[in-house]
Amino acid sequence: MIDYEELIAQGKACGFTHVARLDPATIELREEVRAMCASDKCHMYSKNWSCPPGCGTLDELRARISRYREGILVQTVGELEDSLDGEGMMEAEEQHKAHFAALHDLLLKRYPDLLAVGAGACTRCKTCSYPDAPCRFPERMTSSMEALGMLVLEVCKNNGLNYYYGPNSIAYTSCFLLK
């Protein structure tokens, strides 16, 4: 039995602004979200094991996600000077990735079969081995919610978590699926 109060407290202790229970049954993987990845705006498409096509097909990902019955959503909300505050956005992203790595390492001890789904491409290695060699650290590699085909706004909404916190803020959202 998963103790959600403990998980939420651990998430907050790792620095997340918000932590909420996630029902994996509410996750729908969408082809149109994966199509956004193919437009390669982040310059990681087909360059990283954590991104399409390296992270798997939607059918493979659906089968993988269907094995999980529990989960949590985690968010880091950053305050921005204005809507063009790129430095503030990068700072919030950096904080989110640090919080995510800390909670990931903590949860791995108790849930070795967890599926950690981050924000942005995996950055555990300075240079990804894709496609020339297998992932060096597959147990630590994390794909983004979008790379897996999740519409983050929808996942948040379906699990009672806000996605938008006002005009001068940015929210980075990730999740952990647990058995």
N, C-alpha and C. Protein backbone atom coordinates (compact mmCIF):
# COMPACT_ATOMS: atom_id res chain seq x y z
N MET A 1 0.85 -1.18 0.00
CA MET A 1 0.00 0.00 0.00
C MET A 1 0.89 1.25 0.00
N ILE A 2 0.60 2.14 -0.88
CA ILE A 2 1.39 3.36 -1.01
C ILE A 2 0.84 4.43 -0.06
N ASP A 3 1.73 5.03 0.69
CA ASP A 3 1.38 6.09 1.62
C ASP A 3 1.56 7.43 0.90
N TYR A 4 0.45 7.97 0.40
CA TYR A 4 0.52 9.22 -0.37
C TYR A 4 0.91 10.41 0.48
N GLU A 5 0.52 10.42 1.73
CA GLU A 5 0.93 11.54 2.60
C GLU A 5 2.45 11.58 2.71
N GLU A 6 3.06 10.40 2.85
CA GLU A 6 4.52 10.33 2.93
C GLU A 6 5.16 10.76 1.59
N LEU A 7 4.61 10.30 0.47
CA LEU A 7 5.15 10.68 -0.84
C LEU A 7 5.05 12.18 -1.06
N ILE A 8 3.93 12.76 -0.68
CA ILE A 8 3.75 14.21 -0.84
C ILE A 8 4.75 14.96 0.03
N ALA A 9 4.94 14.49 1.27
CA ALA A 9 5.92 15.12 2.16
C ALA A 9 7.33 15.00 1.59
N GLN A 10 7.67 13.84 1.03
CA GLN A 10 8.99 13.66 0.44
C GLN A 10 9.18 14.59 -0.76
N GLY A 11 8.15 14.71 -1.59
CA GLY A 11 8.23 15.60 -2.74
C GLY A 11 8.44 17.05 -2.32
N LYS A 12 7.71 17.47 -1.31
CA LYS A 12 7.86 18.84 -0.80
C LYS A 12 9.25 19.04 -0.19
N ALA A 13 9.75 18.02 0.53
CA ALA A 13 11.08 18.11 1.13
C ALA A 13 12.17 18.20 0.06
N CYS A 14 11.92 17.63 -1.11
CA CYS A 14 12.89 17.71 -2.22
C CYS A 14 12.81 19.05 -2.94
N GLY A 15 11.81 19.88 -2.59
CA GLY A 15 11.73 21.23 -3.13
C GLY A 15 10.60 21.52 -4.09
N PHE A 16 9.75 20.53 -4.38
CA PHE A 16 8.65 20.79 -5.31
C PHE A 16 7.63 21.73 -4.70
N THR A 17 7.05 22.57 -5.53
CA THR A 17 6.02 23.50 -5.10
C THR A 17 4.71 22.77 -4.83
N HIS A 18 4.38 21.82 -5.72
CA HIS A 18 3.13 21.05 -5.62
C HIS A 18 3.42 19.58 -5.87
N VAL A 19 2.72 18.73 -5.12
CA VAL A 19 2.78 17.29 -5.31
C VAL A 19 1.35 16.78 -5.20
N ALA A 20 0.93 15.95 -6.15
CA ALA A 20 -0.44 15.43 -6.14
C ALA A 20 -0.47 13.97 -6.55
N ARG A 21 -1.46 13.29 -6.08
CA ARG A 21 -1.67 11.89 -6.47
C ARG A 21 -1.99 11.83 -7.96
N LEU A 22 -1.47 10.81 -8.62
CA LEU A 22 -1.70 10.59 -10.05
C LEU A 22 -2.28 9.20 -10.25
N ASP A 23 -3.42 9.14 -10.92
CA ASP A 23 -4.02 7.87 -11.31
C ASP A 23 -3.56 7.56 -12.73
N PRO A 24 -2.69 6.57 -12.92
CA PRO A 24 -2.18 6.27 -14.27
C PRO A 24 -3.29 5.96 -15.29
N ALA A 25 -4.46 5.53 -14.82
CA ALA A 25 -5.57 5.26 -15.74
C ALA A 25 -6.05 6.53 -16.44
N THR A 26 -5.70 7.71 -15.89
CA THR A 26 -6.12 8.98 -16.51
C THR A 26 -5.16 9.42 -17.62
N ILE A 27 -4.06 8.70 -17.79
CA ILE A 27 -3.06 9.09 -18.78
C ILE A 27 -3.46 8.57 -20.16
N GLU A 28 -3.56 9.49 -21.09
CA GLU A 28 -3.82 9.13 -22.48
C GLU A 28 -2.63 9.60 -23.30
N LEU A 29 -2.05 8.67 -24.07
CA LEU A 29 -0.93 9.03 -24.93
C LEU A 29 -1.47 9.40 -26.30
N ARG A 30 -1.10 10.59 -26.77
CA ARG A 30 -1.68 11.16 -27.98
C ARG A 30 -0.65 11.31 -29.10
N GLU A 31 -1.06 10.88 -30.26
CA GLU A 31 -0.21 11.00 -31.45
C GLU A 31 0.10 12.46 -31.76
N GLU A 32 -0.86 13.36 -31.55
CA GLU A 32 -0.63 14.77 -31.87
C GLU A 32 0.44 15.40 -30.96
N VAL A 33 0.57 14.90 -29.75
CA VAL A 33 1.63 15.41 -28.86
C VAL A 33 2.99 14.93 -29.38
N ARG A 34 3.06 13.67 -29.78
CA ARG A 34 4.31 13.14 -30.34
C ARG A 34 4.66 13.87 -31.64
N ALA A 35 3.65 14.27 -32.40
CA ALA A 35 3.90 15.01 -33.65
C ALA A 35 4.58 16.35 -33.35
N MET A 36 4.25 16.95 -32.21
CA MET A 36 4.92 18.20 -31.83
C MET A 36 6.40 17.95 -31.60
N CYS A 37 6.74 16.79 -31.06
CA CYS A 37 8.16 16.44 -30.88
C CYS A 37 8.86 16.36 -32.23
N ALA A 38 8.18 15.79 -33.21
CA ALA A 38 8.78 15.62 -34.54
C ALA A 38 9.11 16.95 -35.20
N SER A 39 8.46 18.03 -34.77
CA SER A 39 8.79 19.35 -35.33
C SER A 39 10.17 19.82 -34.87
N ASP A 40 10.73 19.18 -33.86
CA ASP A 40 12.10 19.36 -33.37
C ASP A 40 12.43 20.79 -32.91
N LYS A 41 11.47 21.43 -32.25
CA LYS A 41 11.72 22.78 -31.75
C LYS A 41 12.77 22.80 -30.63
N CYS A 42 12.90 21.71 -29.91
CA CYS A 42 13.90 21.67 -28.82
C CYS A 42 15.23 21.09 -29.29
N HIS A 43 15.29 20.67 -30.53
CA HIS A 43 16.52 20.14 -31.15
C HIS A 43 17.00 18.84 -30.53
N MET A 44 16.07 18.04 -30.00
CA MET A 44 16.44 16.76 -29.40
C MET A 44 15.79 15.57 -30.10
N TYR A 45 14.87 15.84 -31.02
CA TYR A 45 14.20 14.74 -31.72
C TYR A 45 15.23 13.89 -32.46
N SER A 46 15.18 12.60 -32.21
CA SER A 46 16.06 11.62 -32.83
C SER A 46 17.54 11.83 -32.46
N LYS A 47 17.77 12.43 -31.29
CA LYS A 47 19.14 12.68 -30.84
C LYS A 47 19.39 12.20 -29.42
N ASN A 48 18.39 11.56 -28.80
CA ASN A 48 18.48 11.21 -27.40
C ASN A 48 17.59 10.00 -27.15
N TRP A 49 18.05 9.05 -26.33
CA TRP A 49 17.24 7.87 -26.01
C TRP A 49 15.93 8.25 -25.34
N SER A 50 15.87 9.38 -24.68
CA SER A 50 14.67 9.77 -23.95
C SER A 50 13.62 10.44 -24.82
N CYS A 51 13.98 10.72 -26.07
CA CYS A 51 13.08 11.43 -26.98
C CYS A 51 12.65 10.51 -28.11
N PRO A 52 11.55 10.85 -28.78
CA PRO A 52 11.17 10.06 -29.95
C PRO A 52 12.23 10.16 -31.02
N PRO A 53 12.43 9.13 -31.79
CA PRO A 53 11.81 7.81 -31.70
C PRO A 53 12.50 6.88 -30.71
N GLY A 54 13.60 7.30 -30.10
CA GLY A 54 14.38 6.44 -29.21
C GLY A 54 13.63 5.93 -27.99
N CYS A 55 12.64 6.68 -27.50
CA CYS A 55 11.94 6.27 -26.28
C CYS A 55 10.86 5.23 -26.52
N GLY A 56 10.60 4.90 -27.78
CA GLY A 56 9.62 3.86 -28.09
C GLY A 56 8.39 4.38 -28.80
N THR A 57 7.64 3.44 -29.34
CA THR A 57 6.40 3.79 -30.03
C THR A 57 5.30 4.03 -28.99
N LEU A 58 4.21 4.66 -29.42
CA LEU A 58 3.11 4.88 -28.48
C LEU A 58 2.54 3.56 -27.98
N ASP A 59 2.47 2.55 -28.84
CA ASP A 59 1.96 1.24 -28.40
C ASP A 59 2.87 0.63 -27.35
N GLU A 60 4.18 0.72 -27.54
CA GLU A 60 5.13 0.21 -26.54
C GLU A 60 4.99 0.97 -25.23
N LEU A 61 4.84 2.28 -25.32
CA LEU A 61 4.72 3.11 -24.12
C LEU A 61 3.41 2.86 -23.40
N ARG A 62 2.31 2.67 -24.15
CA ARG A 62 1.03 2.34 -23.52
C ARG A 62 1.14 1.04 -22.73
N ALA A 63 1.78 0.04 -23.33
CA ALA A 63 1.95 -1.25 -22.65
C ALA A 63 2.78 -1.07 -21.38
N ARG A 64 3.81 -0.27 -21.45
CA ARG A 64 4.67 -0.04 -20.29
C ARG A 64 3.91 0.68 -19.18
N ILE A 65 3.19 1.74 -19.53
CA ILE A 65 2.46 2.53 -18.53
C ILE A 65 1.32 1.72 -17.92
N SER A 66 0.72 0.81 -18.68
CA SER A 66 -0.42 0.03 -18.17
C SER A 66 -0.03 -0.87 -16.99
N ARG A 67 1.24 -1.09 -16.76
CA ARG A 67 1.69 -1.93 -15.65
C ARG A 67 1.67 -1.18 -14.31
N TYR A 68 1.44 0.11 -14.34
CA TYR A 68 1.47 0.92 -13.12
C TYR A 68 0.07 1.26 -12.65
N ARG A 69 -0.14 1.20 -11.34
CA ARG A 69 -1.46 1.47 -10.76
C ARG A 69 -1.49 2.71 -9.87
N GLU A 70 -0.33 3.25 -9.56
CA GLU A 70 -0.23 4.40 -8.66
C GLU A 70 0.76 5.41 -9.23
N GLY A 71 0.73 6.62 -8.71
CA GLY A 71 1.70 7.61 -9.14
C GLY A 71 1.53 8.94 -8.45
N ILE A 72 2.50 9.83 -8.70
CA ILE A 72 2.41 11.19 -8.21
C ILE A 72 2.84 12.16 -9.32
N LEU A 73 2.22 13.31 -9.31
CA LEU A 73 2.61 14.44 -10.15
C LEU A 73 3.40 15.40 -9.29
N VAL A 74 4.45 15.98 -9.85
CA VAL A 74 5.27 16.95 -9.11
C VAL A 74 5.46 18.19 -9.97
N GLN A 75 5.45 19.34 -9.32
CA GLN A 75 5.61 20.61 -10.04
C GLN A 75 6.55 21.55 -9.30
N THR A 76 7.28 22.29 -10.11
CA THR A 76 8.05 23.42 -9.62
C THR A 76 7.48 24.64 -10.32
N VAL A 77 6.98 25.58 -9.54
CA VAL A 77 6.42 26.81 -10.10
C VAL A 77 7.42 27.94 -9.84
N GLY A 78 7.84 28.58 -10.92
CA GLY A 78 8.76 29.69 -10.81
C GLY A 78 8.07 31.01 -11.09
N GLU A 79 8.49 32.04 -10.39
CA GLU A 79 7.96 33.38 -10.62
C GLU A 79 8.86 34.09 -11.63
N LEU A 80 8.24 34.77 -12.59
CA LEU A 80 8.96 35.46 -13.65
C LEU A 80 8.78 36.97 -13.51
N GLU A 81 9.76 37.72 -13.99
CA GLU A 81 9.63 39.18 -14.00
C GLU A 81 8.56 39.61 -14.99
N ASP A 82 8.51 38.92 -16.13
CA ASP A 82 7.49 39.16 -17.15
C ASP A 82 7.45 37.93 -18.06
N SER A 83 6.60 37.95 -19.06
CA SER A 83 6.41 36.77 -19.91
C SER A 83 7.62 36.47 -20.80
N LEU A 84 8.58 37.38 -20.88
CA LEU A 84 9.79 37.18 -21.69
C LEU A 84 11.03 36.90 -20.84
N ASP A 85 10.84 36.57 -19.58
CA ASP A 85 11.94 36.35 -18.65
C ASP A 85 12.57 34.97 -18.87
N GLY A 86 13.38 34.87 -19.90
CA GLY A 86 14.04 33.61 -20.23
C GLY A 86 14.95 33.12 -19.13
N GLU A 87 15.64 34.03 -18.47
CA GLU A 87 16.54 33.66 -17.38
C GLU A 87 15.74 33.04 -16.22
N GLY A 88 14.60 33.61 -15.91
CA GLY A 88 13.74 33.07 -14.85
C GLY A 88 13.19 31.70 -15.23
N MET A 89 12.86 31.51 -16.50
CA MET A 89 12.37 30.21 -16.97
C MET A 89 13.45 29.14 -16.84
N MET A 90 14.68 29.50 -17.24
CA MET A 90 15.79 28.55 -17.16
C MET A 90 16.13 28.22 -15.71
N GLU A 91 16.05 29.21 -14.84
CA GLU A 91 16.32 28.99 -13.42
C GLU A 91 15.27 28.03 -12.83
N ALA A 92 14.00 28.24 -13.15
CA ALA A 92 12.94 27.35 -12.65
C ALA A 92 13.12 25.93 -13.20
N GLU A 93 13.51 25.82 -14.47
CA GLU A 93 13.74 24.49 -15.06
C GLU A 93 14.90 23.79 -14.35
N GLU A 94 15.97 24.51 -14.09
CA GLU A 94 17.13 23.95 -13.40
C GLU A 94 16.74 23.48 -12.00
N GLN A 95 15.96 24.27 -11.30
CA GLN A 95 15.49 23.88 -9.97
C GLN A 95 14.63 22.62 -10.05
N HIS A 96 13.73 22.60 -11.04
CA HIS A 96 12.84 21.44 -11.21
C HIS A 96 13.65 20.17 -11.45
N LYS A 97 14.65 20.26 -12.33
CA LYS A 97 15.48 19.09 -12.62
C LYS A 97 16.24 18.63 -11.39
N ALA A 98 16.70 19.55 -10.56
CA ALA A 98 17.40 19.18 -9.33
C ALA A 98 16.43 18.51 -8.34
N HIS A 99 15.23 19.06 -8.20
CA HIS A 99 14.22 18.46 -7.32
C HIS A 99 13.87 17.06 -7.83
N PHE A 100 13.71 16.95 -9.15
CA PHE A 100 13.33 15.68 -9.77
C PHE A 100 14.39 14.62 -9.53
N ALA A 101 15.66 14.97 -9.74
CA ALA A 101 16.75 14.01 -9.54
C ALA A 101 16.81 13.57 -8.08
N ALA A 102 16.61 14.49 -7.15
CA ALA A 102 16.66 14.14 -5.73
C ALA A 102 15.53 13.18 -5.36
N LEU A 103 14.31 13.47 -5.82
CA LEU A 103 13.19 12.59 -5.50
C LEU A 103 13.33 11.25 -6.23
N HIS A 104 13.82 11.29 -7.46
CA HIS A 104 14.03 10.05 -8.22
C HIS A 104 14.97 9.13 -7.46
N ASP A 105 16.10 9.65 -7.00
CA ASP A 105 17.07 8.84 -6.27
C ASP A 105 16.47 8.30 -4.97
N LEU A 106 15.67 9.09 -4.30
CA LEU A 106 15.02 8.67 -3.06
C LEU A 106 13.99 7.57 -3.33
N LEU A 107 13.16 7.76 -4.35
CA LEU A 107 12.11 6.79 -4.65
C LEU A 107 12.65 5.47 -5.20
N LEU A 108 13.76 5.53 -5.92
CA LEU A 108 14.34 4.30 -6.48
C LEU A 108 14.66 3.28 -5.40
N LYS A 109 15.02 3.74 -4.22
CA LYS A 109 15.35 2.82 -3.12
C LYS A 109 14.14 2.01 -2.69
N ARG A 110 12.97 2.62 -2.74
CA ARG A 110 11.74 1.95 -2.29
C ARG A 110 10.95 1.35 -3.45
N TYR A 111 11.05 1.96 -4.63
CA TYR A 111 10.29 1.52 -5.80
C TYR A 111 11.26 1.29 -6.96
N PRO A 112 12.01 0.19 -6.96
CA PRO A 112 13.03 -0.01 -8.00
C PRO A 112 12.46 -0.14 -9.42
N ASP A 113 11.16 -0.43 -9.53
CA ASP A 113 10.53 -0.56 -10.85
C ASP A 113 9.76 0.69 -11.26
N LEU A 114 10.02 1.82 -10.60
CA LEU A 114 9.27 3.04 -10.92
C LEU A 114 9.55 3.50 -12.35
N LEU A 115 8.64 4.28 -12.87
CA LEU A 115 8.84 4.95 -14.16
C LEU A 115 8.85 6.44 -13.86
N ALA A 116 10.01 7.05 -14.01
CA ALA A 116 10.17 8.49 -13.77
C ALA A 116 10.02 9.20 -15.11
N VAL A 117 9.10 10.15 -15.16
CA VAL A 117 8.81 10.88 -16.39
C VAL A 117 9.02 12.36 -16.10
N GLY A 118 10.03 12.95 -16.73
CA GLY A 118 10.46 14.29 -16.39
C GLY A 118 9.90 15.39 -17.27
N ALA A 119 10.61 16.49 -17.26
CA ALA A 119 10.29 17.66 -18.09
C ALA A 119 11.52 17.93 -18.95
N GLY A 120 11.38 17.82 -20.24
CA GLY A 120 12.51 17.99 -21.14
C GLY A 120 13.28 16.70 -21.33
N ALA A 121 14.24 16.75 -22.21
CA ALA A 121 15.05 15.57 -22.52
C ALA A 121 15.92 15.19 -21.33
N CYS A 122 16.27 13.93 -21.26
CA CYS A 122 17.17 13.43 -20.22
C CYS A 122 18.52 14.14 -20.37
N THR A 123 19.05 14.58 -19.25
CA THR A 123 20.35 15.26 -19.26
C THR A 123 21.31 14.63 -18.26
N ARG A 124 21.07 13.37 -17.91
CA ARG A 124 21.95 12.68 -16.96
C ARG A 124 23.38 12.59 -17.49
N CYS A 125 23.51 12.35 -18.81
CA CYS A 125 24.84 12.24 -19.43
C CYS A 125 25.12 13.52 -20.22
N LYS A 126 26.38 13.93 -20.24
CA LYS A 126 26.74 15.13 -20.99
C LYS A 126 26.43 14.94 -22.47
N THR A 127 26.73 13.75 -23.00
CA THR A 127 26.43 13.41 -24.39
C THR A 127 25.71 12.08 -24.41
N CYS A 128 24.54 12.03 -25.02
CA CYS A 128 23.77 10.80 -25.11
C CYS A 128 24.41 9.85 -26.11
N SER A 129 24.34 8.56 -25.85
CA SER A 129 24.91 7.54 -26.73
C SER A 129 24.03 7.23 -27.94
N TYR A 130 22.85 7.83 -28.00
CA TYR A 130 21.90 7.57 -29.09
C TYR A 130 22.47 8.01 -30.43
N PRO A 131 22.28 7.29 -31.48
CA PRO A 131 21.74 5.93 -31.63
C PRO A 131 22.84 4.87 -31.71
N ASP A 132 24.08 5.25 -31.47
CA ASP A 132 25.22 4.38 -31.71
C ASP A 132 25.42 3.27 -30.68
N ALA A 133 24.95 3.48 -29.47
CA ALA A 133 25.13 2.49 -28.40
C ALA A 133 23.94 2.58 -27.45
N PRO A 134 23.69 1.52 -26.69
CA PRO A 134 22.58 1.57 -25.73
C PRO A 134 22.77 2.67 -24.70
N CYS A 135 21.68 3.05 -24.07
CA CYS A 135 21.73 4.03 -22.98
C CYS A 135 22.68 3.51 -21.91
N ARG A 136 23.55 4.39 -21.43
CA ARG A 136 24.53 4.02 -20.40
C ARG A 136 23.88 3.75 -19.04
N PHE A 137 22.81 4.45 -18.75
CA PHE A 137 22.15 4.34 -17.45
C PHE A 137 20.64 4.23 -17.62
N PRO A 138 20.15 3.13 -18.20
CA PRO A 138 18.70 3.03 -18.48
C PRO A 138 17.82 3.15 -17.25
N GLU A 139 18.32 2.76 -16.06
CA GLU A 139 17.52 2.87 -14.84
C GLU A 139 17.39 4.32 -14.38
N ARG A 140 18.21 5.21 -14.91
CA ARG A 140 18.18 6.62 -14.52
C ARG A 140 17.69 7.53 -15.65
N MET A 141 17.53 6.98 -16.84
CA MET A 141 17.08 7.77 -17.99
C MET A 141 15.62 8.16 -17.82
N THR A 142 15.30 9.39 -18.13
CA THR A 142 13.92 9.86 -18.02
C THR A 142 13.50 10.58 -19.28
N SER A 143 12.34 10.19 -19.79
CA SER A 143 11.72 10.90 -20.91
C SER A 143 10.81 11.98 -20.35
N SER A 144 10.48 12.94 -21.19
CA SER A 144 9.51 13.95 -20.77
C SER A 144 8.10 13.41 -20.95
N MET A 145 7.16 14.03 -20.26
CA MET A 145 5.76 13.65 -20.41
C MET A 145 5.34 13.78 -21.87
N GLU A 146 5.77 14.85 -22.52
CA GLU A 146 5.41 15.07 -23.92
C GLU A 146 6.03 14.03 -24.84
N ALA A 147 7.28 13.63 -24.59
CA ALA A 147 7.94 12.62 -25.42
C ALA A 147 7.16 11.31 -25.40
N LEU A 148 6.51 11.03 -24.27
CA LEU A 148 5.69 9.82 -24.17
C LEU A 148 4.30 10.01 -24.76
N GLY A 149 3.98 11.23 -25.15
CA GLY A 149 2.68 11.50 -25.77
C GLY A 149 1.64 12.06 -24.83
N MET A 150 2.04 12.46 -23.62
CA MET A 150 1.09 13.01 -22.64
C MET A 150 0.89 14.50 -22.87
N LEU A 151 -0.36 14.92 -22.86
CA LEU A 151 -0.69 16.33 -22.87
C LEU A 151 -0.70 16.76 -21.39
N VAL A 152 0.32 17.48 -20.98
CA VAL A 152 0.54 17.77 -19.55
C VAL A 152 -0.67 18.47 -18.93
N LEU A 153 -1.23 19.44 -19.61
CA LEU A 153 -2.42 20.15 -19.11
C LEU A 153 -3.53 19.16 -18.78
N GLU A 154 -3.77 18.20 -19.66
CA GLU A 154 -4.83 17.21 -19.48
C GLU A 154 -4.54 16.29 -18.29
N VAL A 155 -3.30 15.83 -18.17
CA VAL A 155 -2.93 14.96 -17.05
C VAL A 155 -3.13 15.71 -15.73
N CYS A 156 -2.70 16.95 -15.69
CA CYS A 156 -2.89 17.76 -14.47
C CYS A 156 -4.37 17.91 -14.15
N LYS A 157 -5.13 18.33 -15.13
CA LYS A 157 -6.57 18.56 -14.94
C LYS A 157 -7.27 17.29 -14.46
N ASN A 158 -6.94 16.15 -15.06
CA ASN A 158 -7.59 14.89 -14.71
C ASN A 158 -7.20 14.38 -13.32
N ASN A 159 -6.21 15.02 -12.71
CA ASN A 159 -5.76 14.60 -11.39
C ASN A 159 -5.82 15.72 -10.36
N GLY A 160 -6.59 16.77 -10.67
CA GLY A 160 -6.85 17.82 -9.70
C GLY A 160 -5.68 18.73 -9.39
N LEU A 161 -4.76 18.87 -10.35
CA LEU A 161 -3.61 19.75 -10.14
C LEU A 161 -3.66 20.89 -11.14
N ASN A 162 -3.46 22.10 -10.67
CA ASN A 162 -3.42 23.25 -11.59
C ASN A 162 -2.24 23.11 -12.54
N TYR A 163 -2.36 23.76 -13.67
CA TYR A 163 -1.28 23.79 -14.66
C TYR A 163 -0.81 25.23 -14.86
N TYR A 164 -1.73 26.17 -14.68
CA TYR A 164 -1.44 27.59 -14.91
C TYR A 164 -1.59 28.33 -13.59
N TYR A 165 -0.56 29.12 -13.24
CA TYR A 165 -0.54 29.82 -11.96
C TYR A 165 -0.46 31.33 -12.11
N GLY A 166 -0.81 31.86 -13.27
CA GLY A 166 -0.83 33.29 -13.45
C GLY A 166 0.16 33.75 -14.51
N PRO A 167 0.01 35.00 -14.93
CA PRO A 167 0.78 35.50 -16.07
C PRO A 167 2.29 35.58 -15.86
N ASN A 168 2.75 35.78 -14.67
CA ASN A 168 4.20 35.89 -14.44
C ASN A 168 4.73 34.67 -13.68
N SER A 169 4.33 33.51 -14.18
CA SER A 169 4.79 32.27 -13.56
C SER A 169 4.98 31.21 -14.64
N ILE A 170 5.74 30.19 -14.29
CA ILE A 170 5.92 29.05 -15.18
C ILE A 170 5.93 27.79 -14.30
N ALA A 171 5.26 26.76 -14.78
CA ALA A 171 5.20 25.50 -14.03
C ALA A 171 5.86 24.40 -14.84
N TYR A 172 6.81 23.73 -14.23
CA TYR A 172 7.42 22.53 -14.80
C TYR A 172 6.81 21.34 -14.09
N THR A 173 6.30 20.39 -14.87
CA THR A 173 5.56 19.26 -14.32
C THR A 173 6.21 17.96 -14.75
N SER A 174 6.29 17.02 -13.82
CA SER A 174 6.81 15.67 -14.08
C SER A 174 5.95 14.70 -13.29
N CYS A 175 6.25 13.41 -13.47
CA CYS A 175 5.52 12.42 -12.69
C CYS A 175 6.35 11.18 -12.44
N PHE A 176 5.93 10.43 -11.44
CA PHE A 176 6.53 9.15 -11.11
C PHE A 176 5.40 8.13 -11.07
N LEU A 177 5.53 7.05 -11.83
CA LEU A 177 4.57 5.96 -11.81
C LEU A 177 5.16 4.85 -10.96
N LEU A 178 4.33 4.30 -10.07
CA LEU A 178 4.80 3.36 -9.07
C LEU A 178 3.97 2.08 -9.11
N LYS A 179 4.62 0.97 -8.75
CA LYS A 179 3.92 -0.32 -8.66
C LYS A 179 3.63 -0.63 -7.22
